[in-house]
Amino acid sequence: MKNIICLSLLSLLVSASALAGVAKDSLKLTLNGVTQKTFTMGEIRKMKSSEVDFINADGSKGEGYPGVSFADLVAASKINFDQVVEVEFVATNGYKYYVNKAAFARTVLLSYERTGQKKFERYSSKEEMIVQLGPYYLIWDYAGITEEEKPLYHSVYQVNEINFETSAITFGIHEKDESNTVVTGYNTYKKYCLSCHAINGVGGSLSSNLMQTKVIEEKGADYVIKYALDPKSVNPESKMLPLPAFKNREAMAKSVVDFLKFLKDPSVESKKHAADKAHVDMLKEIIREMSGNNFNH
């Protein structure tokens, strides 16, 4: 019995030691969930440094953020990016940001500091407070970006993990399903909702799992649509961002409801919003514009 207890204590000590060996400012890279490389802050700072400017709301040049390019991180990890379909950036607070491979035609950095030895923090209009950006701040090179393109590139703070996936998350939705608005809802949900609202264990953990709650059944579709369009009108304390001001954003919100209903009962085809083929085609075109003409995002 003493030997068993000693072995158990030894296992706990080894586990604690292993956990202690993983620094809080480390960056883990995985491929299909399997760890490929964990970089320490020291290792990343030794890599070639680049810098991008954060563009202010008025279009003027903002503060500079030095860091390592995403491409250099991939090369150092020896991950074959040719096989990758999409990338998941994970923040320490449970937020997850999904990016299609095509987006990386634009330069993106993992920053670890602000220019001028300033505190690594900035004001978040979403949370209406100063937020800490570390350990890593995902920031795109916004040079030359148009107002219409801005919603396609999100800066994410407190990143500590990057997951590379060789197949897209589809939840069983396929291109052949484009005869109804379920696929529009899938694309909308994945782009704007999945980061906080997980589905079947996939996605962020900042907010409720809409597949486990009965919000549609108990409060109705109109409630969900209104929340998606104007969260604070429903809950003044909500930190959720509304759907961007795209044309037909209300139809996009309705399609999210169709998508959730489809997942809860795949036998139910949401055809009531798809009677007008021209309208559906227009919705699909909006999604393609948002996703760089790539269906999977």
C-alpha atoms as a PDB file:
ATOM      1  CA  MET A   1       0.000   0.000   0.000  1.00  0.00           C
ATOM      2  CA  LYS A   2       2.876   2.377   0.873  1.00  0.00           C
ATOM      3  CA  ASN A   3       4.445   1.707  -2.528  1.00  0.00           C
ATOM      4  CA  ILE A   4       1.178   2.540  -4.281  1.00  0.00           C
ATOM      5  CA  ILE A   5       0.843   5.788  -2.302  1.00  0.00           C
ATOM      6  CA  CYS A   6       4.455   6.717  -3.047  1.00  0.00           C
ATOM      7  CA  LEU A   7       3.979   6.034  -6.742  1.00  0.00           C
ATOM      8  CA  SER A   8       0.802   8.130  -6.768  1.00  0.00           C
ATOM      9  CA  LEU A   9       2.581  11.014  -5.062  1.00  0.00           C
ATOM     10  CA  LEU A  10       5.468  10.685  -7.512  1.00  0.00           C
ATOM     11  CA  SER A  11       3.030  10.816 -10.440  1.00  0.00           C
ATOM     12  CA  LEU A  12       1.456  13.972  -9.028  1.00  0.00           C
ATOM     13  CA  LEU A  13       4.853  15.575  -8.578  1.00  0.00           C
ATOM     14  CA  VAL A  14       5.882  14.693 -12.126  1.00  0.00           C
ATOM     15  CA  SER A  15       2.597  16.076 -13.477  1.00  0.00           C
ATOM     16  CA  ALA A  16       2.999  19.270 -11.461  1.00  0.00           C
ATOM     17  CA  SER A  17       6.565  19.601 -12.673  1.00  0.00           C
ATOM     18  CA  ALA A  18       5.480  19.149 -16.281  1.00  0.00           C
ATOM     19  CA  LEU A  19       2.788  21.793 -15.889  1.00  0.00           C
ATOM     20  CA  ALA A  20       5.237  24.160 -14.254  1.00  0.00           C
ATOM     21  CA  GLY A  21       7.567  23.676 -17.225  1.00  0.00           C
ATOM     22  CA  VAL A  22       4.977  25.137 -19.631  1.00  0.00           C
ATOM     23  CA  ALA A  23       5.325  28.893 -19.374  1.00  0.00           C
ATOM     24  CA  LYS A  24       2.204  31.064 -19.427  1.00  0.00           C
ATOM     25  CA  ASP A  25       3.637  32.990 -22.375  1.00  0.00           C
ATOM     26  CA  SER A  26       4.296  29.898 -24.485  1.00  0.00           C
ATOM     27  CA  LEU A  27       2.562  29.343 -27.830  1.00  0.00           C
ATOM     28  CA  LYS A  28       1.382  25.856 -28.739  1.00  0.00           C
ATOM     29  CA  LEU A  29       0.879  24.759 -32.349  1.00  0.00           C
ATOM     30  CA  THR A  30      -1.138  21.628 -33.107  1.00  0.00           C
ATOM     31  CA  LEU A  31      -2.100  19.738 -36.262  1.00  0.00           C
ATOM     32  CA  ASN A  32      -5.532  18.094 -36.091  1.00  0.00           C
ATOM     33  CA  GLY A  33      -5.311  18.268 -32.311  1.00  0.00           C
ATOM     34  CA  VAL A  34      -1.818  16.761 -32.014  1.00  0.00           C
ATOM     35  CA  THR A  35       0.876  19.054 -30.612  1.00  0.00           C
ATOM     36  CA  GLN A  36       3.623  19.738 -33.149  1.00  0.00           C
ATOM     37  CA  LYS A  37       5.628  22.477 -31.441  1.00  0.00           C
ATOM     38  CA  THR A  38       5.499  24.660 -28.354  1.00  0.00           C
ATOM     39  CA  PHE A  39       7.440  27.908 -28.618  1.00  0.00           C
ATOM     40  CA  THR A  40       8.647  29.813 -25.589  1.00  0.00           C
ATOM     41  CA  MET A  41       8.555  33.598 -25.623  1.00  0.00           C
ATOM     42  CA  GLY A  42      12.336  33.586 -25.726  1.00  0.00           C
ATOM     43  CA  GLU A  43      12.362  31.427 -28.863  1.00  0.00           C
ATOM     44  CA  ILE A  44       9.820  33.630 -30.607  1.00  0.00           C
ATOM     45  CA  ARG A  45      11.700  36.822 -29.774  1.00  0.00           C
ATOM     46  CA  LYS A  46      14.814  35.344 -31.398  1.00  0.00           C
ATOM     47  CA  MET A  47      12.945  34.934 -34.690  1.00  0.00           C
ATOM     48  CA  LYS A  48      12.969  37.616 -37.347  1.00  0.00           C
ATOM     49  CA  SER A  49      10.798  40.495 -36.153  1.00  0.00           C
ATOM     50  CA  SER A  50       8.288  42.324 -38.312  1.00  0.00           C
ATOM     51  CA  GLU A  51       5.884  45.118 -37.461  1.00  0.00           C
ATOM     52  CA  VAL A  52       2.425  46.206 -38.558  1.00  0.00           C
ATOM     53  CA  ASP A  53       0.417  49.296 -37.677  1.00  0.00           C
ATOM     54  CA  PHE A  54      -3.016  49.104 -36.144  1.00  0.00           C
ATOM     55  CA  ILE A  55      -5.293  51.289 -38.268  1.00  0.00           C
ATOM     56  CA  ASN A  56      -7.512  53.685 -36.309  1.00  0.00           C
ATOM     57  CA  ALA A  57     -11.266  53.947 -36.885  1.00  0.00           C
ATOM     58  CA  ASP A  58     -10.725  57.097 -38.983  1.00  0.00           C
ATOM     59  CA  GLY A  59      -8.267  55.280 -41.243  1.00  0.00           C
ATOM     60  CA  SER A  60      -5.174  56.942 -39.797  1.00  0.00           C
ATOM     61  CA  LYS A  61      -2.035  55.076 -38.819  1.00  0.00           C
ATOM     62  CA  GLY A  62      -2.243  53.751 -35.295  1.00  0.00           C
ATOM     63  CA  GLU A  63       0.285  52.222 -32.947  1.00  0.00           C
ATOM     64  CA  GLY A  64       2.893  49.758 -34.146  1.00  0.00           C
ATOM     65  CA  TYR A  65       3.005  46.167 -32.994  1.00  0.00           C
ATOM     66  CA  PRO A  66       6.218  44.183 -33.509  1.00  0.00           C
ATOM     67  CA  GLY A  67       6.062  40.409 -33.632  1.00  0.00           C
ATOM     68  CA  VAL A  68       6.754  37.274 -35.614  1.00  0.00           C
ATOM     69  CA  SER A  69       4.988  36.599 -38.893  1.00  0.00           C
ATOM     70  CA  PHE A  70       2.530  33.733 -39.046  1.00  0.00           C
ATOM     71  CA  ALA A  71       4.419  32.328 -42.047  1.00  0.00           C
ATOM     72  CA  ASP A  72       7.679  32.187 -40.064  1.00  0.00           C
ATOM     73  CA  LEU A  73       5.945  30.382 -37.195  1.00  0.00           C
ATOM     74  CA  VAL A  74       4.559  27.773 -39.582  1.00  0.00           C
ATOM     75  CA  ALA A  75       7.978  27.283 -41.169  1.00  0.00           C
ATOM     76  CA  ALA A  76       9.671  26.909 -37.774  1.00  0.00           C
ATOM     77  CA  SER A  77       7.082  24.365 -36.650  1.00  0.00           C
ATOM     78  CA  LYS A  78       7.630  22.349 -39.863  1.00  0.00           C
ATOM     79  CA  ILE A  79       3.872  21.997 -40.358  1.00  0.00           C
ATOM     80  CA  ASN A  80       2.962  21.335 -43.993  1.00  0.00           C
ATOM     81  CA  PHE A  81       0.663  24.289 -44.640  1.00  0.00           C
ATOM     82  CA  ASP A  82      -0.233  22.937 -48.095  1.00  0.00           C
ATOM     83  CA  GLN A  83      -2.388  20.315 -46.357  1.00  0.00           C
ATOM     84  CA  VAL A  84      -4.116  22.815 -44.068  1.00  0.00           C
ATOM     85  CA  VAL A  85      -7.693  23.909 -44.816  1.00  0.00           C
ATOM     86  CA  GLU A  86      -8.395  26.204 -41.897  1.00  0.00           C
ATOM     87  CA  VAL A  87      -6.703  27.562 -38.788  1.00  0.00           C
ATOM     88  CA  GLU A  88      -8.126  27.999 -35.293  1.00  0.00           C
ATOM     89  CA  PHE A  89      -6.660  30.659 -32.989  1.00  0.00           C
ATOM     90  CA  VAL A  90      -7.381  29.988 -29.306  1.00  0.00           C
ATOM     91  CA  ALA A  91      -7.369  32.708 -26.626  1.00  0.00           C
ATOM     92  CA  THR A  92      -6.764  32.142 -22.946  1.00  0.00           C
ATOM     93  CA  ASN A  93     -10.365  33.147 -22.132  1.00  0.00           C
ATOM     94  CA  GLY A  94     -11.883  30.409 -24.329  1.00  0.00           C
ATOM     95  CA  TYR A  95     -12.513  32.509 -27.441  1.00  0.00           C
ATOM     96  CA  LYS A  96     -11.735  30.732 -30.725  1.00  0.00           C
ATOM     97  CA  TYR A  97     -11.294  32.382 -34.091  1.00  0.00           C
ATOM     98  CA  TYR A  98     -11.577  30.321 -37.282  1.00  0.00           C
ATOM     99  CA  VAL A  99      -9.745  31.461 -40.400  1.00  0.00           C
ATOM    100  CA  ASN A 100      -9.838  29.898 -43.840  1.00  0.00           C
ATOM    101  CA  LYS A 101      -6.453  29.228 -45.389  1.00  0.00           C
ATOM    102  CA  ALA A 102      -7.144  31.688 -48.219  1.00  0.00           C
ATOM    103  CA  ALA A 103      -7.079  34.609 -45.765  1.00  0.00           C
ATOM    104  CA  PHE A 104      -3.354  34.168 -45.175  1.00  0.00           C
ATOM    105  CA  ALA A 105      -2.595  35.742 -48.510  1.00  0.00           C
ATOM    106  CA  ARG A 106      -2.598  38.899 -46.353  1.00  0.00           C
ATOM    107  CA  THR A 107       0.223  39.325 -43.837  1.00  0.00           C
ATOM    108  CA  VAL A 108      -0.614  38.507 -40.233  1.00  0.00           C
ATOM    109  CA  LEU A 109       1.583  38.718 -37.135  1.00  0.00           C
ATOM    110  CA  LEU A 110       1.612  37.322 -33.640  1.00  0.00           C
ATOM    111  CA  SER A 111       2.682  40.391 -31.691  1.00  0.00           C
ATOM    112  CA  TYR A 112       4.160  40.250 -28.200  1.00  0.00           C
ATOM    113  CA  GLU A 113       4.627  43.961 -27.406  1.00  0.00           C
ATOM    114  CA  ARG A 114       3.725  47.530 -28.382  1.00  0.00           C
ATOM    115  CA  THR A 115       6.177  49.896 -29.980  1.00  0.00           C
ATOM    116  CA  GLY A 116       7.880  52.252 -27.561  1.00  0.00           C
ATOM    117  CA  GLN A 117       7.943  50.008 -24.505  1.00  0.00           C
ATOM    118  CA  LYS A 118       4.312  50.816 -23.755  1.00  0.00           C
ATOM    119  CA  LYS A 119       2.129  48.464 -21.761  1.00  0.00           C
ATOM    120  CA  PHE A 120       0.913  45.543 -23.849  1.00  0.00           C
ATOM    121  CA  GLU A 121      -2.735  46.540 -23.645  1.00  0.00           C
ATOM    122  CA  ARG A 122      -5.309  48.564 -25.552  1.00  0.00           C
ATOM    123  CA  TYR A 123      -8.883  49.792 -25.248  1.00  0.00           C
ATOM    124  CA  SER A 124     -11.530  47.302 -26.407  1.00  0.00           C
ATOM    125  CA  SER A 125     -14.636  48.979 -27.790  1.00  0.00           C
ATOM    126  CA  LYS A 126     -16.444  45.639 -27.488  1.00  0.00           C
ATOM    127  CA  GLU A 127     -15.783  45.248 -23.777  1.00  0.00           C
ATOM    128  CA  GLU A 128     -15.547  49.011 -23.179  1.00  0.00           C
ATOM    129  CA  MET A 129     -12.432  48.599 -21.073  1.00  0.00           C
ATOM    130  CA  ILE A 130      -8.667  48.266 -21.240  1.00  0.00           C
ATOM    131  CA  VAL A 131      -7.717  44.668 -22.102  1.00  0.00           C
ATOM    132  CA  GLN A 132      -4.407  42.859 -21.778  1.00  0.00           C
ATOM    133  CA  LEU A 133      -3.149  41.682 -25.175  1.00  0.00           C
ATOM    134  CA  GLY A 134      -0.664  39.032 -24.073  1.00  0.00           C
ATOM    135  CA  PRO A 135       0.689  36.562 -24.390  1.00  0.00           C
ATOM    136  CA  TYR A 136       0.178  37.102 -28.147  1.00  0.00           C
ATOM    137  CA  TYR A 137      -1.904  39.500 -30.172  1.00  0.00           C
ATOM    138  CA  LEU A 138      -3.078  38.325 -33.591  1.00  0.00           C
ATOM    139  CA  ILE A 139      -3.065  41.368 -35.853  1.00  0.00           C
ATOM    140  CA  TRP A 140      -3.435  41.648 -39.615  1.00  0.00           C
ATOM    141  CA  ASP A 141      -1.612  44.052 -41.891  1.00  0.00           C
ATOM    142  CA  TYR A 142      -4.477  46.411 -42.682  1.00  0.00           C
ATOM    143  CA  ALA A 143      -2.524  48.465 -45.219  1.00  0.00           C
ATOM    144  CA  GLY A 144      -4.765  49.118 -48.208  1.00  0.00           C
ATOM    145  CA  ILE A 145      -7.736  47.314 -46.676  1.00  0.00           C
ATOM    146  CA  THR A 146     -11.179  48.594 -47.674  1.00  0.00           C
ATOM    147  CA  GLU A 147     -14.060  49.315 -45.330  1.00  0.00           C
ATOM    148  CA  GLU A 148     -15.947  46.352 -46.818  1.00  0.00           C
ATOM    149  CA  GLU A 149     -13.020  44.005 -46.104  1.00  0.00           C
ATOM    150  CA  LYS A 150     -12.542  44.964 -42.460  1.00  0.00           C
ATOM    151  CA  PRO A 151     -15.150  42.506 -41.071  1.00  0.00           C
ATOM    152  CA  LEU A 152     -13.196  39.651 -42.685  1.00  0.00           C
ATOM    153  CA  TYR A 153     -10.076  40.163 -40.558  1.00  0.00           C
ATOM    154  CA  HIS A 154     -10.376  40.142 -36.782  1.00  0.00           C
ATOM    155  CA  SER A 155      -7.575  40.984 -34.382  1.00  0.00           C
ATOM    156  CA  VAL A 156      -7.594  38.552 -31.470  1.00  0.00           C
ATOM    157  CA  TYR A 157      -5.824  39.161 -28.182  1.00  0.00           C
ATOM    158  CA  GLN A 158      -4.545  36.746 -25.511  1.00  0.00           C
ATOM    159  CA  VAL A 159      -3.750  34.034 -28.076  1.00  0.00           C
ATOM    160  CA  ASN A 160      -1.784  31.094 -26.685  1.00  0.00           C
ATOM    161  CA  GLU A 161      -2.599  28.264 -29.111  1.00  0.00           C
ATOM    162  CA  ILE A 162      -2.932  27.757 -32.857  1.00  0.00           C
ATOM    163  CA  ASN A 163      -4.633  24.670 -34.283  1.00  0.00           C
ATOM    164  CA  PHE A 164      -4.178  23.641 -37.910  1.00  0.00           C
ATOM    165  CA  GLU A 165      -6.923  21.516 -39.456  1.00  0.00           C
ATOM    166  CA  THR A 166      -6.644  19.520 -42.680  1.00  0.00           C
ATOM    167  CA  SER A 167     -10.422  19.320 -43.092  1.00  0.00           C
ATOM    168  CA  ALA A 168     -13.036  21.985 -42.584  1.00  0.00           C
ATOM    169  CA  ILE A 169     -15.620  21.998 -39.799  1.00  0.00           C
ATOM    170  CA  THR A 170     -18.930  21.498 -41.632  1.00  0.00           C
ATOM    171  CA  PHE A 171     -21.339  19.966 -39.055  1.00  0.00           C
ATOM    172  CA  GLY A 172     -22.664  17.780 -41.874  1.00  0.00           C
ATOM    173  CA  ILE A 173     -23.558  20.739 -44.090  1.00  0.00           C
ATOM    174  CA  HIS A 174     -22.485  20.212 -47.704  1.00  0.00           C
ATOM    175  CA  GLU A 175     -22.456  22.360 -50.808  1.00  0.00           C
ATOM    176  CA  LYS A 176     -25.237  20.258 -52.288  1.00  0.00           C
ATOM    177  CA  ASP A 177     -27.510  21.634 -49.547  1.00  0.00           C
ATOM    178  CA  GLU A 178     -27.390  25.119 -51.061  1.00  0.00           C
ATOM    179  CA  SER A 179     -31.017  24.775 -52.160  1.00  0.00           C
ATOM    180  CA  ASN A 180     -32.050  26.144 -48.775  1.00  0.00           C
ATOM    181  CA  THR A 181     -30.862  28.691 -46.231  1.00  0.00           C
ATOM    182  CA  VAL A 182     -29.293  26.115 -43.901  1.00  0.00           C
ATOM    183  CA  VAL A 183     -25.939  26.499 -45.620  1.00  0.00           C
ATOM    184  CA  THR A 184     -26.187  30.292 -45.348  1.00  0.00           C
ATOM    185  CA  GLY A 185     -26.837  29.903 -41.637  1.00  0.00           C
ATOM    186  CA  TYR A 186     -23.877  27.537 -41.342  1.00  0.00           C
ATOM    187  CA  ASN A 187     -21.517  30.046 -42.958  1.00  0.00           C
ATOM    188  CA  THR A 188     -22.889  32.926 -40.897  1.00  0.00           C
ATOM    189  CA  TYR A 189     -22.712  30.958 -37.639  1.00  0.00           C
ATOM    190  CA  LYS A 190     -19.190  29.763 -38.278  1.00  0.00           C
ATOM    191  CA  LYS A 191     -17.971  33.233 -39.157  1.00  0.00           C
ATOM    192  CA  TYR A 192     -19.643  35.219 -36.388  1.00  0.00           C
ATOM    193  CA  CYS A 193     -20.986  32.885 -33.671  1.00  0.00           C
ATOM    194  CA  LEU A 194     -18.799  29.792 -33.295  1.00  0.00           C
ATOM    195  CA  SER A 195     -15.979  31.750 -31.652  1.00  0.00           C
ATOM    196  CA  CYS A 196     -18.088  32.038 -28.483  1.00  0.00           C
ATOM    197  CA  HIS A 197     -20.979  29.579 -28.931  1.00  0.00           C
ATOM    198  CA  ALA A 198     -19.692  26.017 -29.292  1.00  0.00           C
ATOM    199  CA  ILE A 199     -21.575  23.227 -31.063  1.00  0.00           C
ATOM    200  CA  ASN A 200     -20.999  19.616 -30.056  1.00  0.00           C
ATOM    201  CA  GLY A 201     -17.663  20.405 -28.436  1.00  0.00           C
ATOM    202  CA  VAL A 202     -16.413  22.533 -31.356  1.00  0.00           C
ATOM    203  CA  GLY A 203     -16.015  26.263 -30.865  1.00  0.00           C
ATOM    204  CA  GLY A 204     -15.392  28.771 -28.117  1.00  0.00           C
ATOM    205  CA  SER A 205     -16.591  28.613 -24.532  1.00  0.00           C
ATOM    206  CA  LEU A 206     -17.213  32.289 -23.780  1.00  0.00           C
ATOM    207  CA  SER A 207     -20.979  31.960 -24.072  1.00  0.00           C
ATOM    208  CA  SER A 208     -23.770  29.389 -24.065  1.00  0.00           C
ATOM    209  CA  ASN A 209     -23.875  26.273 -26.223  1.00  0.00           C
ATOM    210  CA  LEU A 210     -26.933  26.932 -28.367  1.00  0.00           C
ATOM    211  CA  MET A 211     -27.379  23.240 -29.136  1.00  0.00           C
ATOM    212  CA  GLN A 212     -27.790  22.474 -25.446  1.00  0.00           C
ATOM    213  CA  THR A 213     -30.039  25.388 -24.568  1.00  0.00           C
ATOM    214  CA  LYS A 214     -33.699  25.631 -25.572  1.00  0.00           C
ATOM    215  CA  VAL A 215     -33.608  29.306 -26.451  1.00  0.00           C
ATOM    216  CA  ILE A 216     -35.358  28.801 -29.808  1.00  0.00           C
ATOM    217  CA  GLU A 217     -37.956  26.438 -28.394  1.00  0.00           C
ATOM    218  CA  GLU A 218     -38.693  28.554 -25.304  1.00  0.00           C
ATOM    219  CA  LYS A 219     -38.255  32.118 -26.578  1.00  0.00           C
ATOM    220  CA  GLY A 220     -38.871  31.701 -30.283  1.00  0.00           C
ATOM    221  CA  ALA A 221     -36.987  32.407 -33.481  1.00  0.00           C
ATOM    222  CA  ASP A 222     -37.768  36.133 -33.412  1.00  0.00           C
ATOM    223  CA  TYR A 223     -35.957  36.453 -30.074  1.00  0.00           C
ATOM    224  CA  VAL A 224     -32.799  34.832 -31.484  1.00  0.00           C
ATOM    225  CA  ILE A 225     -32.955  36.974 -34.627  1.00  0.00           C
ATOM    226  CA  LYS A 226     -33.352  40.187 -32.628  1.00  0.00           C
ATOM    227  CA  TYR A 227     -30.461  39.179 -30.360  1.00  0.00           C
ATOM    228  CA  ALA A 228     -28.218  38.541 -33.373  1.00  0.00           C
ATOM    229  CA  LEU A 229     -29.080  41.906 -34.913  1.00  0.00           C
ATOM    230  CA  ASP A 230     -29.018  44.041 -31.758  1.00  0.00           C
ATOM    231  CA  PRO A 231     -27.852  42.171 -28.623  1.00  0.00           C
ATOM    232  CA  LYS A 232     -28.018  45.161 -26.260  1.00  0.00           C
ATOM    233  CA  SER A 233     -31.668  45.812 -27.124  1.00  0.00           C
ATOM    234  CA  VAL A 234     -32.421  42.407 -25.624  1.00  0.00           C
ATOM    235  CA  ASN A 235     -29.778  42.367 -22.906  1.00  0.00           C
ATOM    236  CA  PRO A 236     -28.129  45.727 -22.050  1.00  0.00           C
ATOM    237  CA  GLU A 237     -25.290  43.844 -20.316  1.00  0.00           C
ATOM    238  CA  SER A 238     -24.458  41.757 -23.390  1.00  0.00           C
ATOM    239  CA  LYS A 239     -20.913  41.980 -24.780  1.00  0.00           C
ATOM    240  CA  MET A 240     -21.893  40.190 -27.964  1.00  0.00           C
ATOM    241  CA  LEU A 241     -21.328  42.060 -31.220  1.00  0.00           C
ATOM    242  CA  PRO A 242     -24.257  42.324 -33.648  1.00  0.00           C
ATOM    243  CA  LEU A 243     -24.002  40.893 -37.145  1.00  0.00           C
ATOM    244  CA  PRO A 244     -22.075  43.342 -39.372  1.00  0.00           C
ATOM    245  CA  ALA A 245     -24.084  45.854 -41.368  1.00  0.00           C
ATOM    246  CA  PHE A 246     -24.194  43.769 -44.546  1.00  0.00           C
ATOM    247  CA  LYS A 247     -27.194  44.081 -46.818  1.00  0.00           C
ATOM    248  CA  ASN A 248     -29.891  41.567 -45.914  1.00  0.00           C
ATOM    249  CA  ARG A 249     -28.331  40.938 -42.501  1.00  0.00           C
ATOM    250  CA  GLU A 250     -31.826  40.144 -41.180  1.00  0.00           C
ATOM    251  CA  ALA A 251     -32.096  37.286 -43.677  1.00  0.00           C
ATOM    252  CA  MET A 252     -28.682  36.084 -42.484  1.00  0.00           C
ATOM    253  CA  ALA A 253     -29.906  36.085 -38.888  1.00  0.00           C
ATOM    254  CA  LYS A 254     -32.978  34.075 -39.914  1.00  0.00           C
ATOM    255  CA  SER A 255     -30.743  31.580 -41.668  1.00  0.00           C
ATOM    256  CA  VAL A 256     -28.820  31.031 -38.410  1.00  0.00           C
ATOM    257  CA  VAL A 257     -32.079  29.890 -36.822  1.00  0.00           C
ATOM    258  CA  ASP A 258     -32.631  27.522 -39.770  1.00  0.00           C
ATOM    259  CA  PHE A 259     -29.134  26.127 -39.304  1.00  0.00           C
ATOM    260  CA  LEU A 260     -29.654  25.476 -35.575  1.00  0.00           C
ATOM    261  CA  LYS A 261     -33.031  23.845 -36.238  1.00  0.00           C
ATOM    262  CA  PHE A 262     -31.432  21.656 -38.898  1.00  0.00           C
ATOM    263  CA  LEU A 263     -28.734  20.484 -36.476  1.00  0.00           C
ATOM    264  CA  LYS A 264     -31.314  19.639 -33.833  1.00  0.00           C
ATOM    265  CA  ASP A 265     -33.448  17.742 -36.350  1.00  0.00           C
ATOM    266  CA  PRO A 266     -31.740  17.099 -39.744  1.00  0.00           C
ATOM    267  CA  SER A 267     -34.977  15.637 -41.117  1.00  0.00           C
ATOM    268  CA  VAL A 268     -36.513  19.120 -40.998  1.00  0.00           C
ATOM    269  CA  GLU A 269     -35.674  20.970 -44.209  1.00  0.00           C
ATOM    270  CA  SER A 270     -36.099  24.711 -43.725  1.00  0.00           C
ATOM    271  CA  LYS A 271     -37.700  25.452 -47.065  1.00  0.00           C
ATOM    272  CA  LYS A 272     -39.969  28.247 -45.938  1.00  0.00           C
ATOM    273  CA  HIS A 273     -37.210  30.825 -46.413  1.00  0.00           C
ATOM    274  CA  ALA A 274     -35.967  29.307 -49.670  1.00  0.00           C
ATOM    275  CA  ALA A 275     -39.014  29.562 -51.910  1.00  0.00           C
ATOM    276  CA  ASP A 276     -37.543  32.470 -53.835  1.00  0.00           C
ATOM    277  CA  LYS A 277     -34.492  31.051 -55.624  1.00  0.00           C
ATOM    278  CA  ALA A 278     -33.237  34.495 -56.633  1.00  0.00           C
ATOM    279  CA  HIS A 279     -33.273  35.571 -52.978  1.00  0.00           C
ATOM    280  CA  VAL A 280     -31.324  32.472 -51.913  1.00  0.00           C
ATOM    281  CA  ASP A 281     -28.771  33.018 -54.672  1.00  0.00           C
ATOM    282  CA  MET A 282     -28.288  36.575 -53.456  1.00  0.00           C
ATOM    283  CA  LEU A 283     -27.691  35.361 -49.896  1.00  0.00           C
ATOM    284  CA  LYS A 284     -25.114  32.853 -51.116  1.00  0.00           C
ATOM    285  CA  GLU A 285     -23.303  35.595 -53.016  1.00  0.00           C
ATOM    286  CA  ILE A 286     -23.121  37.712 -49.862  1.00  0.00           C
ATOM    287  CA  ILE A 287     -21.539  34.800 -48.000  1.00  0.00           C
ATOM    288  CA  ARG A 288     -19.045  34.233 -50.807  1.00  0.00           C
ATOM    289  CA  GLU A 289     -18.078  37.912 -50.709  1.00  0.00           C
ATOM    290  CA  MET A 290     -17.531  37.681 -46.959  1.00  0.00           C
ATOM    291  CA  SER A 291     -15.433  34.527 -47.230  1.00  0.00           C
ATOM    292  CA  GLY A 292     -13.223  35.306 -50.196  1.00  0.00           C
ATOM    293  CA  ASN A 293     -15.281  33.092 -52.549  1.00  0.00           C
ATOM    294  CA  ASN A 294     -14.478  30.000 -50.504  1.00  0.00           C
ATOM    295  CA  PHE A 295     -17.438  27.867 -49.435  1.00  0.00           C
ATOM    296  CA  ASN A 296     -15.855  26.444 -46.327  1.00  0.00           C
ATOM    297  CA  HIS A 297     -15.686  29.734 -44.459  1.00  0.00           C
END
